[in-house]
C-alpha atoms as a PDB file:
ATOM      1  CA  MET A   1     104.088 101.875 103.212  1.00  0.00           C
ATOM      2  CA  SER A   2     106.804 104.082 101.775  1.00  0.00           C
ATOM      3  CA  PHE A   3     106.598 107.543 100.237  1.00  0.00           C
ATOM      4  CA  SER A   4     108.712 109.089  97.502  1.00  0.00           C
ATOM      5  CA  HIS A   5     107.007 112.437  96.762  1.00  0.00           C
ATOM      6  CA  ILE A   6     105.185 114.371  99.510  1.00  0.00           C
ATOM      7  CA  LEU A   7     103.077 117.522  99.199  1.00  0.00           C
ATOM      8  CA  LEU A   8     102.715 119.775 102.243  1.00  0.00           C
ATOM      9  CA  CYS A   9      99.856 122.289 102.058  1.00  0.00           C
ATOM     10  CA  LEU A  10     100.655 125.468 104.005  1.00  0.00           C
ATOM     11  CA  ASP A  11      98.461 128.349 105.055  1.00  0.00           C
ATOM     12  CA  GLY A  12     100.826 130.208 107.369  1.00  0.00           C
ATOM     13  CA  GLU A  13      98.598 129.627 110.403  1.00  0.00           C
ATOM     14  CA  PRO A  14      99.803 128.190 113.732  1.00  0.00           C
ATOM     15  CA  HIS A  15      97.690 125.033 113.356  1.00  0.00           C
ATOM     16  CA  THR A  16      99.912 124.037 110.411  1.00  0.00           C
ATOM     17  CA  GLU A  17     103.112 123.814 112.487  1.00  0.00           C
ATOM     18  CA  THR A  18     102.520 120.164 113.448  1.00  0.00           C
ATOM     19  CA  ALA A  19     101.944 119.289 109.795  1.00  0.00           C
ATOM     20  CA  CYS A  20     105.236 121.009 108.888  1.00  0.00           C
ATOM     21  CA  THR A  21     107.149 119.040 111.507  1.00  0.00           C
ATOM     22  CA  LEU A  22     105.595 115.764 110.383  1.00  0.00           C
ATOM     23  CA  ALA A  23     106.294 116.505 106.712  1.00  0.00           C
ATOM     24  CA  LEU A  24     109.973 117.117 107.426  1.00  0.00           C
ATOM     25  CA  ASP A  25     110.238 113.974 109.557  1.00  0.00           C
ATOM     26  CA  LEU A  26     108.466 111.746 107.029  1.00  0.00           C
ATOM     27  CA  ALA A  27     110.435 113.101 104.074  1.00  0.00           C
ATOM     28  CA  ARG A  28     113.707 112.533 105.915  1.00  0.00           C
ATOM     29  CA  THR A  29     112.701 109.041 107.130  1.00  0.00           C
ATOM     30  CA  HIS A  30     111.546 107.886 103.688  1.00  0.00           C
ATOM     31  CA  GLY A  31     114.145 109.783 101.658  1.00  0.00           C
ATOM     32  CA  ALA A  32     111.214 111.406  99.869  1.00  0.00           C
ATOM     33  CA  GLY A  33     111.028 114.624  97.900  1.00  0.00           C
ATOM     34  CA  LEU A  34     109.023 117.307  99.659  1.00  0.00           C
ATOM     35  CA  ASP A  35     107.172 120.210  98.082  1.00  0.00           C
ATOM     36  CA  ALA A  36     105.491 122.986 100.078  1.00  0.00           C
ATOM     37  CA  LEU A  37     102.368 124.514  98.533  1.00  0.00           C
ATOM     38  CA  TYR A  38     100.575 127.743  99.348  1.00  0.00           C
ATOM     39  CA  VAL A  39      97.360 128.447  97.452  1.00  0.00           C
ATOM     40  CA  VAL A  40      96.271 132.080  97.161  1.00  0.00           C
ATOM     41  CA  ASP A  41      92.511 131.697  97.607  1.00  0.00           C
ATOM     42  CA  PRO A  42      90.343 134.254  95.742  1.00  0.00           C
ATOM     43  CA  TYR A  43      87.565 133.808  98.334  1.00  0.00           C
ATOM     44  CA  LEU A  44      88.076 137.236  99.923  1.00  0.00           C
ATOM     45  CA  LYS A  45      87.855 139.015  96.573  1.00  0.00           C
ATOM     46  CA  LYS A  46      84.131 138.278  96.318  1.00  0.00           C
ATOM     47  CA  PHE A  47      83.509 140.709  99.159  1.00  0.00           C
ATOM     48  CA  THR A  48      85.018 143.604  97.196  1.00  0.00           C
ATOM     49  CA  ASN A  49      81.903 143.600  94.983  1.00  0.00           C
ATOM     50  CA  GLU A  50      79.733 144.339  97.989  1.00  0.00           C
ATOM     51  CA  ILE A  51      81.956 146.668  99.963  1.00  0.00           C
ATOM     52  CA  TYR A  52      83.866 148.844  97.519  1.00  0.00           C
ATOM     53  CA  ALA A  53      82.168 150.579  94.628  1.00  0.00           C
ATOM     54  CA  VAL A  54      84.890 153.180  94.097  1.00  0.00           C
ATOM     55  CA  ASN A  55      88.425 151.930  93.394  1.00  0.00           C
ATOM     56  CA  ARG A  56      87.258 148.316  93.366  1.00  0.00           C
ATOM     57  CA  ASN A  57      90.031 147.184  91.010  1.00  0.00           C
ATOM     58  CA  GLU A  58      92.720 148.853  93.126  1.00  0.00           C
ATOM     59  CA  CYS A  59      91.314 147.098  96.177  1.00  0.00           C
ATOM     60  CA  ARG A  60      91.403 143.730  94.393  1.00  0.00           C
ATOM     61  CA  ASP A  61      94.980 144.301  93.229  1.00  0.00           C
ATOM     62  CA  HIS A  62      96.022 145.224  96.759  1.00  0.00           C
ATOM     63  CA  LEU A  63      94.284 142.128  98.128  1.00  0.00           C
ATOM     64  CA  ASP A  64      96.029 139.907  95.547  1.00  0.00           C
ATOM     65  CA  ARG A  65      99.430 141.377  96.425  1.00  0.00           C
ATOM     66  CA  SER A  66      98.786 141.033 100.170  1.00  0.00           C
ATOM     67  CA  LEU A  67      97.653 137.405  99.913  1.00  0.00           C
ATOM     68  CA  ALA A  68     100.586 136.495  97.664  1.00  0.00           C
ATOM     69  CA  ALA A  69     102.959 138.158 100.142  1.00  0.00           C
ATOM     70  CA  GLU A  70     101.452 136.085 102.965  1.00  0.00           C
ATOM     71  CA  GLY A  71     102.055 132.986 100.861  1.00  0.00           C
ATOM     72  CA  GLU A  72     105.653 133.938 100.166  1.00  0.00           C
ATOM     73  CA  THR A  73     106.218 134.574 103.878  1.00  0.00           C
ATOM     74  CA  ALA A  74     104.792 131.161 104.830  1.00  0.00           C
ATOM     75  CA  LEU A  75     106.876 129.414 102.155  1.00  0.00           C
ATOM     76  CA  ASN A  76     110.043 131.287 103.129  1.00  0.00           C
ATOM     77  CA  HIS A  77     109.534 130.412 106.791  1.00  0.00           C
ATOM     78  CA  PHE A  78     109.084 126.710 106.022  1.00  0.00           C
ATOM     79  CA  CYS A  79     111.966 126.541 103.530  1.00  0.00           C
ATOM     80  CA  THR A  80     114.297 128.216 106.037  1.00  0.00           C
ATOM     81  CA  ARG A  81     113.203 125.686 108.640  1.00  0.00           C
ATOM     82  CA  ALA A  82     113.807 122.806 106.194  1.00  0.00           C
ATOM     83  CA  GLN A  83     117.260 124.133 105.219  1.00  0.00           C
ATOM     84  CA  ALA A  84     118.231 124.278 108.897  1.00  0.00           C
ATOM     85  CA  THR A  85     117.691 120.501 108.987  1.00  0.00           C
ATOM     86  CA  GLY A  86     119.673 119.993 105.771  1.00  0.00           C
ATOM     87  CA  MET A  87     116.651 119.369 103.532  1.00  0.00           C
ATOM     88  CA  THR A  88     115.847 120.955 100.207  1.00  0.00           C
ATOM     89  CA  VAL A  89     112.174 121.664  99.645  1.00  0.00           C
ATOM     90  CA  GLY A  90     110.280 122.612  96.499  1.00  0.00           C
ATOM     91  CA  ARG A  91     108.228 125.820  96.670  1.00  0.00           C
ATOM     92  CA  LEU A  92     104.864 126.139  94.976  1.00  0.00           C
ATOM     93  CA  LEU A  93     102.677 129.253  95.017  1.00  0.00           C
ATOM     94  CA  GLN A  94      99.407 128.728  93.138  1.00  0.00           C
ATOM     95  CA  TYR A  95      96.304 130.857  92.609  1.00  0.00           C
ATOM     96  CA  GLY A  96      92.746 129.524  92.735  1.00  0.00           C
ATOM     97  CA  GLU A  97      90.250 127.627  94.848  1.00  0.00           C
ATOM     98  CA  PRO A  98      92.317 125.285  97.046  1.00  0.00           C
ATOM     99  CA  GLU A  99      89.801 122.442  96.677  1.00  0.00           C
ATOM    100  CA  GLU A 100      90.377 122.583  92.901  1.00  0.00           C
ATOM    101  CA  VAL A 101      94.097 123.446  92.765  1.00  0.00           C
ATOM    102  CA  ILE A 102      95.313 120.811  95.236  1.00  0.00           C
ATOM    103  CA  PRO A 103      93.683 117.744  93.596  1.00  0.00           C
ATOM    104  CA  GLN A 104      94.916 118.834  90.150  1.00  0.00           C
ATOM    105  CA  LEU A 105      98.441 119.343  91.483  1.00  0.00           C
ATOM    106  CA  VAL A 106      98.449 116.000  93.314  1.00  0.00           C
ATOM    107  CA  THR A 107      97.520 114.168  90.119  1.00  0.00           C
ATOM    108  CA  ALA A 108      99.859 116.139  87.845  1.00  0.00           C
ATOM    109  CA  GLY A 109     102.785 116.023  90.305  1.00  0.00           C
ATOM    110  CA  GLY A 110     102.531 112.328  91.124  1.00  0.00           C
ATOM    111  CA  TYR A 111     102.428 112.891  94.871  1.00  0.00           C
ATOM    112  CA  ASP A 112     101.935 109.789  96.996  1.00  0.00           C
ATOM    113  CA  LEU A 113     101.116 111.630 100.248  1.00  0.00           C
ATOM    114  CA  VAL A 114      99.435 114.952 101.046  1.00  0.00           C
ATOM    115  CA  ILE A 115      99.963 116.529 104.470  1.00  0.00           C
ATOM    116  CA  LEU A 116      97.917 119.421 105.791  1.00  0.00           C
ATOM    117  CA  GLY A 117      96.990 121.045 109.055  1.00  0.00           C
ATOM    118  CA  GLY A 118      93.500 121.722 110.259  1.00  0.00           C
ATOM    119  CA  LYS A 119      91.791 123.633 113.021  1.00  0.00           C
ATOM    120  CA  ARG A 120      89.731 121.959 115.714  1.00  0.00           C
ATOM    121  CA  PHE A 121      86.192 123.250 115.963  1.00  0.00           C
ATOM    122  CA  ALA A 122      84.282 123.810 119.192  1.00  0.00           C
ATOM    123  CA  GLY A 123      80.917 122.941 117.712  1.00  0.00           C
ATOM    124  CA  ARG A 124      78.724 122.552 114.656  1.00  0.00           C
ATOM    125  CA  TYR A 125      78.287 126.268 114.097  1.00  0.00           C
ATOM    126  CA  GLU A 126      82.050 126.805 113.918  1.00  0.00           C
ATOM    127  CA  ARG A 127      82.393 123.928 111.466  1.00  0.00           C
ATOM    128  CA  TRP A 128      79.518 125.168 109.277  1.00  0.00           C
ATOM    129  CA  THR A 129      80.778 128.752 109.122  1.00  0.00           C
ATOM    130  CA  SER A 130      84.430 127.902 108.548  1.00  0.00           C
ATOM    131  CA  ARG A 131      86.146 127.305 105.244  1.00  0.00           C
ATOM    132  CA  ASP A 132      87.361 123.901 106.466  1.00  0.00           C
ATOM    133  CA  LEU A 133      89.795 122.832 103.739  1.00  0.00           C
ATOM    134  CA  PRO A 134      90.152 119.205 104.869  1.00  0.00           C
ATOM    135  CA  ALA A 135      86.377 118.787 104.611  1.00  0.00           C
ATOM    136  CA  ARG A 136      86.298 120.459 101.184  1.00  0.00           C
ATOM    137  CA  LEU A 137      89.064 118.119  99.954  1.00  0.00           C
ATOM    138  CA  ASP A 138      87.362 114.971 101.247  1.00  0.00           C
ATOM    139  CA  GLY A 139      87.144 112.412  98.448  1.00  0.00           C
ATOM    140  CA  LYS A 140      88.872 114.611  95.845  1.00  0.00           C
ATOM    141  CA  LEU A 141      92.471 113.436  96.231  1.00  0.00           C
ATOM    142  CA  THR A 142      94.110 110.459  94.536  1.00  0.00           C
ATOM    143  CA  ALA A 143      96.768 110.144  97.269  1.00  0.00           C
ATOM    144  CA  PRO A 144      96.505 109.402 100.989  1.00  0.00           C
ATOM    145  CA  VAL A 145      96.037 112.445 103.238  1.00  0.00           C
ATOM    146  CA  LEU A 146      97.675 113.001 106.593  1.00  0.00           C
ATOM    147  CA  LEU A 147      95.602 115.566 108.476  1.00  0.00           C
ATOM    148  CA  CYS A 148      97.125 117.143 111.585  1.00  0.00           C
ATOM    149  CA  ARG A 149      94.425 118.764 113.694  1.00  0.00           C
ATOM    150  CA  VAL A 150      95.859 120.482 116.719  1.00  0.00           C
END
């Protein structure tokens, strides 16, 4: 199997490092284009309705800016790492529910492989209470998925 256009989904967490390494290696081996995606998830904003009655909009704006800055930091870190190996990587920063944004982007972008990292869970409770993206994406993608759980 050969790949020509790979999408790497980043979240800036340590468990994604293996996925980053694999994405760079596969893109180089196959001569494939590689795009790095960070999705700014609005999940945390729902809590501002419950917690902050005064200055709610300012809190939401601050949260949006903070999450976007985290995304930019993760993308910058990966792109710097890719450039050190001589690779050019596309940068994508999107807003929305990752389980909706990623499948739409995979279809629209013509990706033939999606790579993402995932956390290992100690038990059922951890899995049930987490926002396990690989599980939420299960069956929604039109391309093969390489999941790196560390």
